[in-house]
Amino acid sequence: MDDGPLPPAASMEAEAAPTLDAFLEGIQGRAVRMAALALDDREAALDLVQDAMTAFITRYRQRPSGSWGPLFWRILQNRIRDTYRRRRVRQRVMAVLGRGGSGEEGEEDPMAAFPDPATPGPDRALADGRFARDLETALRALPLRQQQAFLLRHWEGLDTAATAAALGITEGSVKTHLHRALQTLQGQLEAYR
């Protein structure tokens, strides 16, 4: 009984390993959300994630697929930190010049008035809306390192070592930032327990 030739081991591994496109597609939404929370600007977050993905593809596409997650998050975290620092310097300079923070005060985004098609129905939105809004407000209020440690550990499910690698800090620092973030979030969201 001959069932035919067995497929080569290399082709079986290629079928089991995720493709780069699938990896980037699966991580894109979470990356944009994480960057938007850190920067408080969805448009800047979209640009930043696109830049991080381009850098990732350019430098690391040949790496094994198991290492893609931590490498991508490290690139994104570096981009977030750089943008965050540039904004703080710009705000300080503008404050010294007496021009306020962004120079765009009073300008309102016309697209903000349009509903998001991914938004849940009214019943679900009413039930989840207040908690989601309060959680987002609490996350935005966290210091950047605490916020990013929380998001990488609890939203992305990275372990402590991978989170430390992504943030460029020690595992002990990750644990400290995460503990402080959890304490703050629990205190601010106590009403939802």
Protein backbone atom coordinates (compact mmCIF):
# COMPACT_ATOMS: atom_id res chain seq x y z
CA MET A 1 0.00 0.00 0.00
CA ASP A 2 1.73 3.08 -1.25
CA ASP A 3 0.05 6.39 -0.39
CA GLY A 4 2.38 8.31 -2.64
CA PRO A 5 5.44 10.34 -1.83
CA LEU A 6 5.59 12.20 1.45
CA PRO A 7 5.91 15.98 1.19
CA PRO A 8 9.36 17.32 1.96
CA ALA A 9 9.87 18.49 5.55
CA ALA A 10 10.64 22.03 4.39
CA SER A 11 7.24 22.44 2.73
CA MET A 12 5.46 21.09 5.82
CA GLU A 13 7.30 23.65 7.98
CA ALA A 14 6.43 26.44 5.57
CA GLU A 15 2.73 25.54 5.80
CA ALA A 16 2.84 25.54 9.62
CA ALA A 17 4.78 28.82 9.94
CA PRO A 18 2.76 32.02 9.68
CA THR A 19 3.47 34.28 6.74
CA LEU A 20 4.83 37.75 7.24
CA ASP A 21 1.66 39.26 5.77
CA ALA A 22 -0.53 37.27 8.16
CA PHE A 23 1.64 38.28 11.12
CA LEU A 24 1.49 41.99 10.24
CA GLU A 25 -2.23 41.86 9.52
CA GLY A 26 -2.90 40.18 12.86
CA ILE A 27 -0.84 42.64 14.87
CA GLN A 28 -1.75 45.88 13.08
CA GLY A 29 -4.96 46.76 14.93
CA ARG A 30 -3.48 46.17 18.37
CA ALA A 31 -0.36 48.13 17.45
CA VAL A 32 -2.39 51.12 16.26
CA ARG A 33 -4.48 51.04 19.44
CA MET A 34 -1.37 50.87 21.63
CA ALA A 35 0.31 53.75 19.80
CA ALA A 36 -2.89 55.81 19.83
CA LEU A 37 -3.18 55.41 23.59
CA ALA A 38 0.43 56.47 24.07
CA LEU A 39 0.29 59.45 21.70
CA ASP A 40 -3.36 60.45 22.08
CA ASP A 41 -3.50 60.87 18.30
CA ARG A 42 -4.87 58.13 16.02
CA GLU A 43 -3.48 59.65 12.80
CA ALA A 44 0.01 59.87 14.26
CA ALA A 45 -0.39 56.31 15.55
CA LEU A 46 -1.29 55.03 12.08
CA ASP A 47 1.81 56.70 10.62
CA LEU A 48 3.97 55.40 13.42
CA VAL A 49 2.75 51.79 13.03
CA GLN A 50 3.27 51.96 9.28
CA ASP A 51 6.80 53.22 9.86
CA ALA A 52 7.46 50.44 12.41
CA MET A 53 6.13 47.79 10.02
CA THR A 54 8.31 49.10 7.19
CA ALA A 55 11.39 49.03 9.41
CA PHE A 56 10.48 45.54 10.62
CA ILE A 57 10.09 44.20 7.08
CA THR A 58 13.31 45.85 5.93
CA ARG A 59 15.45 44.52 8.76
CA TYR A 60 13.88 41.34 10.11
CA ARG A 61 11.80 39.55 7.47
CA GLN A 62 14.41 36.78 7.23
CA ARG A 63 14.28 36.01 10.96
CA PRO A 64 12.32 32.97 12.21
CA SER A 65 8.61 33.68 12.63
CA GLY A 66 8.78 32.90 16.36
CA SER A 67 10.95 35.96 16.94
CA TRP A 68 8.78 38.41 14.98
CA GLY A 69 6.53 39.46 17.87
CA PRO A 70 9.17 40.74 20.29
CA LEU A 71 11.15 42.32 17.45
CA PHE A 72 8.14 44.21 16.13
CA TRP A 73 7.07 45.40 19.59
CA ARG A 74 10.62 46.62 20.26
CA ILE A 75 10.62 48.66 17.05
CA LEU A 76 7.18 50.09 17.83
CA GLN A 77 8.15 50.96 21.41
CA ASN A 78 11.25 52.78 20.17
CA ARG A 79 9.14 54.76 17.71
CA ILE A 80 6.58 55.63 20.41
CA ARG A 81 9.30 56.80 22.80
CA ASP A 82 10.98 58.90 20.10
CA THR A 83 7.69 60.54 19.12
CA TYR A 84 6.74 61.11 22.75
CA ARG A 85 10.09 62.77 23.45
CA ARG A 86 9.93 64.96 20.35
CA ARG A 87 6.45 66.14 21.33
CA ARG A 88 7.53 67.00 24.85
CA VAL A 89 10.48 69.03 23.56
CA ARG A 90 8.24 70.79 21.01
CA GLN A 91 5.69 71.61 23.72
CA ARG A 92 8.38 73.07 25.96
CA VAL A 93 9.79 75.19 23.15
CA MET A 94 6.34 76.41 22.16
CA ALA A 95 5.52 77.21 25.79
CA VAL A 96 8.69 79.29 26.06
CA LEU A 97 7.74 81.12 22.88
CA GLY A 98 4.25 81.66 24.30
CA ARG A 99 2.42 79.75 21.61
CA GLY A 100 0.81 76.91 23.54
CA GLY A 101 1.35 73.21 23.03
CA SER A 102 0.47 72.20 19.49
CA GLY A 103 -0.26 75.40 17.61
CA GLU A 104 -3.49 73.85 16.37
CA GLU A 105 -5.83 74.86 19.16
CA GLY A 106 -9.42 75.31 18.12
CA GLU A 107 -9.00 73.14 15.04
CA GLU A 108 -11.45 70.26 15.11
CA ASP A 109 -11.13 67.09 13.05
CA PRO A 110 -14.15 66.94 10.70
CA MET A 111 -13.86 63.13 10.50
CA ALA A 112 -14.47 62.83 14.25
CA ALA A 113 -18.19 63.48 13.64
CA PHE A 114 -18.58 60.34 11.51
CA PRO A 115 -19.40 57.06 13.27
CA ASP A 116 -16.87 54.24 13.26
CA PRO A 117 -18.30 51.24 11.34
CA ALA A 118 -16.61 48.87 13.79
CA THR A 119 -18.54 50.32 16.72
CA PRO A 120 -20.89 47.83 18.42
CA GLY A 121 -24.67 48.33 18.43
CA PRO A 122 -26.37 50.82 20.77
CA ASP A 123 -27.27 48.29 23.49
CA ARG A 124 -23.75 46.96 23.77
CA ALA A 125 -22.27 50.42 23.49
CA LEU A 126 -24.37 51.66 26.41
CA ALA A 127 -23.34 48.71 28.56
CA ASP A 128 -19.63 48.87 27.74
CA GLY A 129 -19.21 52.54 26.95
CA ARG A 130 -18.68 53.97 30.39
CA PHE A 131 -16.16 51.32 31.46
CA ALA A 132 -14.26 51.54 28.17
CA ARG A 133 -14.11 55.33 28.43
CA ASP A 134 -12.96 55.22 32.05
CA LEU A 135 -10.39 52.51 31.28
CA GLU A 136 -9.00 54.49 28.37
CA THR A 137 -8.85 57.64 30.49
CA ALA A 138 -7.04 55.74 33.23
CA LEU A 139 -4.60 54.21 30.72
CA ARG A 140 -3.86 57.62 29.18
CA ALA A 141 -3.13 59.04 32.66
CA LEU A 142 -0.47 56.40 33.39
CA PRO A 143 3.18 57.29 32.85
CA LEU A 144 4.36 56.03 29.45
CA ARG A 145 6.47 53.11 30.74
CA GLN A 146 3.68 51.87 33.01
CA GLN A 147 1.14 52.20 30.22
CA GLN A 148 3.25 50.32 27.69
CA ALA A 149 4.25 47.59 30.18
CA PHE A 150 0.57 47.03 30.98
CA LEU A 151 -0.47 46.93 27.32
CA LEU A 152 2.31 44.56 26.27
CA ARG A 153 1.77 42.17 29.18
CA HIS A 154 -2.02 42.16 29.45
CA TRP A 155 -3.27 43.09 25.98
CA GLU A 156 -0.56 41.42 23.93
CA GLY A 157 0.12 38.58 26.35
CA LEU A 158 3.90 38.89 26.15
CA ASP A 159 5.82 37.32 29.00
CA THR A 160 8.05 39.40 31.26
CA ALA A 161 11.22 38.70 29.26
CA ALA A 162 9.63 39.62 25.93
CA THR A 163 8.11 42.77 27.44
CA ALA A 164 11.51 43.74 28.86
CA ALA A 165 13.09 43.20 25.45
CA ALA A 166 10.40 45.25 23.71
CA LEU A 167 10.74 48.15 26.15
CA GLY A 168 14.53 47.93 26.44
CA ILE A 169 14.46 47.61 30.24
CA THR A 170 15.14 44.85 32.77
CA GLU A 171 12.59 42.25 33.79
CA GLY A 172 12.59 43.72 37.30
CA SER A 173 11.68 47.12 35.89
CA VAL A 174 8.84 45.56 33.90
CA LYS A 175 7.48 44.00 37.08
CA THR A 176 7.77 47.32 38.94
CA HIS A 177 6.07 49.31 36.17
CA LEU A 178 3.35 46.69 35.82
CA HIS A 179 2.69 46.57 39.56
CA ARG A 180 2.39 50.35 39.76
CA ALA A 181 0.13 50.45 36.71
CA LEU A 182 -2.16 47.78 38.15
CA GLN A 183 -2.37 49.57 41.49
CA THR A 184 -3.29 52.83 39.80
CA LEU A 185 -5.83 51.22 37.46
CA GLN A 186 -7.46 49.26 40.28
CA GLY A 187 -7.80 52.42 42.33
CA GLN A 188 -9.28 54.42 39.48
CA LEU A 189 -11.64 51.65 38.33
CA GLU A 190 -12.74 50.44 41.77
CA ALA A 191 -16.38 51.24 41.00
CA TYR A 192 -16.45 48.49 38.35
CA ARG A 193 -15.43 45.64 40.67
